[in-house]
Every structure is written in structure tokens, then in C-alpha cells.
Amino acid sequence: MSASTRKGFTLIELLIVVVIIGILAAIAVPKFAATKDKAKLATVKTDLKNIMTAQEAYYYDFATYTAALSSTIFSPTMGNTTSMAGTPASFTATVTNASITATPKQCTVTVGSGTASDGVIACS
């Protein structure tokens, strides 16, 4: 049987394909990690918006803000941690996700301060 009638791939051709797939994977994996970080940061911002809504509902019922929302009123997304401080007239809430590999890893909002940043979510 002559070499021109054989069918199949040579070892070099297979190695070239494996190298190309490896290069494509090396490009795609960091982009995927960045996408996961963006999704986690979105959960941080969503939790802050939910805290703001819960605080406004609490304020409507009791005419004061609270430094601690009960777990029946608000529970953070898995992986997120929250901290709150408040006075009867204002509150500050911070949500952090330590598993985010890049910055920002946390966002903060203050409501009731009467400043330009009142109710604006800031991430750092």
C-alpha cells in the first residue's frame, strides 16, 4: 500500500490541533473568570438595593431606620456578607463578596445623609 492511499491524520497534524485548542483555552479561561466576578459584583449591588428597600419598608412601619435587619426581612445572597450602621434618620450598609478575585469586592450605600451621595451605591 502506498503512502498516498492511507487515510487519517499524522502525529504532527494532531499535535498542531492540540496546541491550537490549548491556545484558545488559555485565552478563554481568564475571560470566563472576569465574567464570574462581574456576576458576583452584580449580586453585591442587588443585595444593597434589597437592603435599601427593606430599610424603607422598616422606616414606613416604625418611622426609624435600623442598624440590623432580621433574617426574616433580609437575607444576603450566598457568598455575600453585610454590615449595617444606622441612626433613626439614616443608615449605611456595606455588602462584601470575598470570593471576587479583582476589585471592587464591596459596595456601600448611605441613605438619609442629605448629601449628593445619598442613596448612591459606591463600590471599592
Protein backbone atom coordinates (compact mmCIF):
# COMPACT_ATOMS: atom_id res chain seq x y z
CA MET A 1 0.00 0.00 0.00
CA SER A 2 1.48 3.37 -0.95
CA ALA A 3 1.60 6.39 1.32
CA SER A 4 -0.83 8.35 -0.83
CA THR A 5 -3.69 5.88 -0.31
CA ARG A 6 -3.57 5.82 3.52
CA LYS A 7 -6.31 7.73 5.31
CA GLY A 8 -6.03 9.51 8.63
CA PHE A 9 -4.06 12.23 10.39
CA THR A 10 -0.34 12.34 11.06
CA LEU A 11 1.05 12.85 14.53
CA ILE A 12 2.20 16.37 13.61
CA GLU A 13 -1.30 17.35 12.46
CA LEU A 14 -2.81 16.08 15.71
CA LEU A 15 -0.21 17.95 17.78
CA ILE A 16 -0.92 21.17 15.91
CA VAL A 17 -4.65 20.83 16.66
CA VAL A 18 -3.95 20.17 20.35
CA VAL A 19 -1.69 23.26 20.54
CA ILE A 20 -4.35 25.44 18.87
CA ILE A 21 -7.02 24.19 21.30
CA GLY A 22 -4.64 24.91 24.21
CA ILE A 23 -4.06 28.47 23.00
CA LEU A 24 -7.80 29.08 22.64
CA ALA A 25 -8.42 27.70 26.14
CA ALA A 26 -5.69 29.93 27.59
CA ILE A 27 -7.44 32.95 26.08
CA ALA A 28 -10.97 31.92 27.13
CA VAL A 29 -10.38 30.96 30.80
CA PRO A 30 -9.39 34.45 32.08
CA LYS A 31 -12.36 35.99 30.26
CA PHE A 32 -14.64 33.47 31.97
CA ALA A 33 -13.19 34.35 35.39
CA ALA A 34 -13.81 38.05 34.75
CA THR A 35 -17.41 37.27 33.82
CA LYS A 36 -17.88 35.38 37.10
CA ASP A 37 -16.52 38.38 39.02
CA LYS A 38 -18.97 40.69 37.23
CA ALA A 39 -21.85 38.38 38.17
CA LYS A 40 -20.75 38.28 41.82
CA LEU A 41 -20.46 42.08 41.90
CA ALA A 42 -23.99 42.26 40.49
CA THR A 43 -25.22 40.17 43.46
CA VAL A 44 -23.47 42.62 45.81
CA LYS A 45 -25.28 45.57 44.21
CA THR A 46 -28.59 43.69 44.21
CA ASP A 47 -28.23 42.92 47.90
CA LEU A 48 -27.64 46.62 48.60
CA LYS A 49 -30.77 47.56 46.64
CA ASN A 50 -32.72 44.94 48.60
CA ILE A 51 -31.37 46.34 51.89
CA MET A 52 -32.48 49.81 50.81
CA THR A 53 -35.97 48.51 50.04
CA ALA A 54 -36.15 46.63 53.35
CA GLN A 55 -34.95 49.68 55.26
CA GLU A 56 -37.57 51.88 53.60
CA ALA A 57 -40.28 49.36 54.48
CA TYR A 58 -38.99 49.30 58.07
CA TYR A 59 -38.93 53.11 58.14
CA TYR A 60 -42.50 53.22 56.83
CA ASP A 61 -43.66 50.90 59.63
CA PHE A 62 -41.62 52.31 62.56
CA ALA A 63 -40.55 55.86 61.48
CA THR A 64 -36.89 54.97 62.08
CA TYR A 65 -34.08 53.15 60.31
CA THR A 66 -32.44 50.14 61.94
CA ALA A 67 -28.83 49.04 62.27
CA ALA A 68 -29.79 45.36 61.95
CA LEU A 69 -32.43 43.85 59.69
CA SER A 70 -33.72 40.49 60.85
CA SER A 71 -33.21 37.47 58.62
CA THR A 72 -36.96 37.36 58.01
CA ILE A 73 -36.78 40.81 56.42
CA PHE A 74 -33.50 40.43 54.52
CA SER A 75 -31.05 37.60 53.86
CA PRO A 76 -27.92 38.20 51.79
CA THR A 77 -27.04 36.18 48.72
CA MET A 78 -24.81 33.18 49.40
CA GLY A 79 -21.18 34.36 49.48
CA ASN A 80 -22.06 37.93 50.40
CA THR A 81 -21.58 39.42 53.86
CA THR A 82 -23.35 42.54 55.09
CA SER A 83 -22.71 45.17 57.70
CA MET A 84 -25.06 47.98 58.67
CA ALA A 85 -24.91 51.01 60.89
CA GLY A 86 -27.77 53.37 61.45
CA THR A 87 -29.41 56.16 63.32
CA PRO A 88 -33.12 56.89 63.42
CA ALA A 89 -32.64 59.30 60.47
CA SER A 90 -30.08 57.46 58.28
CA PHE A 91 -28.28 54.19 57.66
CA THR A 92 -25.15 52.94 55.95
CA ALA A 93 -24.92 49.44 54.54
CA THR A 94 -21.91 47.62 53.10
CA VAL A 95 -22.01 44.32 51.21
CA THR A 96 -18.79 42.39 50.54
CA ASN A 97 -18.03 39.26 48.50
CA ALA A 98 -14.55 37.96 49.41
CA SER A 99 -14.53 35.45 46.53
CA ILE A 100 -14.29 38.19 43.89
CA THR A 101 -10.74 37.99 42.54
CA ALA A 102 -10.48 41.58 41.25
CA THR A 103 -11.53 44.89 42.73
CA PRO A 104 -14.09 46.12 43.60
CA LYS A 105 -15.06 43.49 46.17
CA GLN A 106 -17.53 45.57 48.17
CA CYS A 107 -20.14 48.27 47.72
CA THR A 108 -21.58 50.76 50.21
CA VAL A 109 -24.68 52.95 50.29
CA THR A 110 -25.77 55.66 52.70
CA VAL A 111 -29.39 56.78 52.85
CA GLY A 112 -30.70 59.76 54.76
CA SER A 113 -27.49 61.77 54.87
CA GLY A 114 -28.88 64.62 52.77
CA THR A 115 -25.68 64.76 50.69
CA ALA A 116 -25.19 64.31 46.95
CA SER A 117 -24.20 60.68 47.54
CA ASP A 118 -27.46 59.95 49.40
CA GLY A 119 -28.78 56.64 48.07
CA VAL A 120 -25.92 56.21 45.57
CA ILE A 121 -24.16 52.83 45.56
CA ALA A 122 -20.36 53.24 45.60
CA CYS A 123 -18.05 50.27 45.01
CA SER A 124 -14.43 49.97 46.08
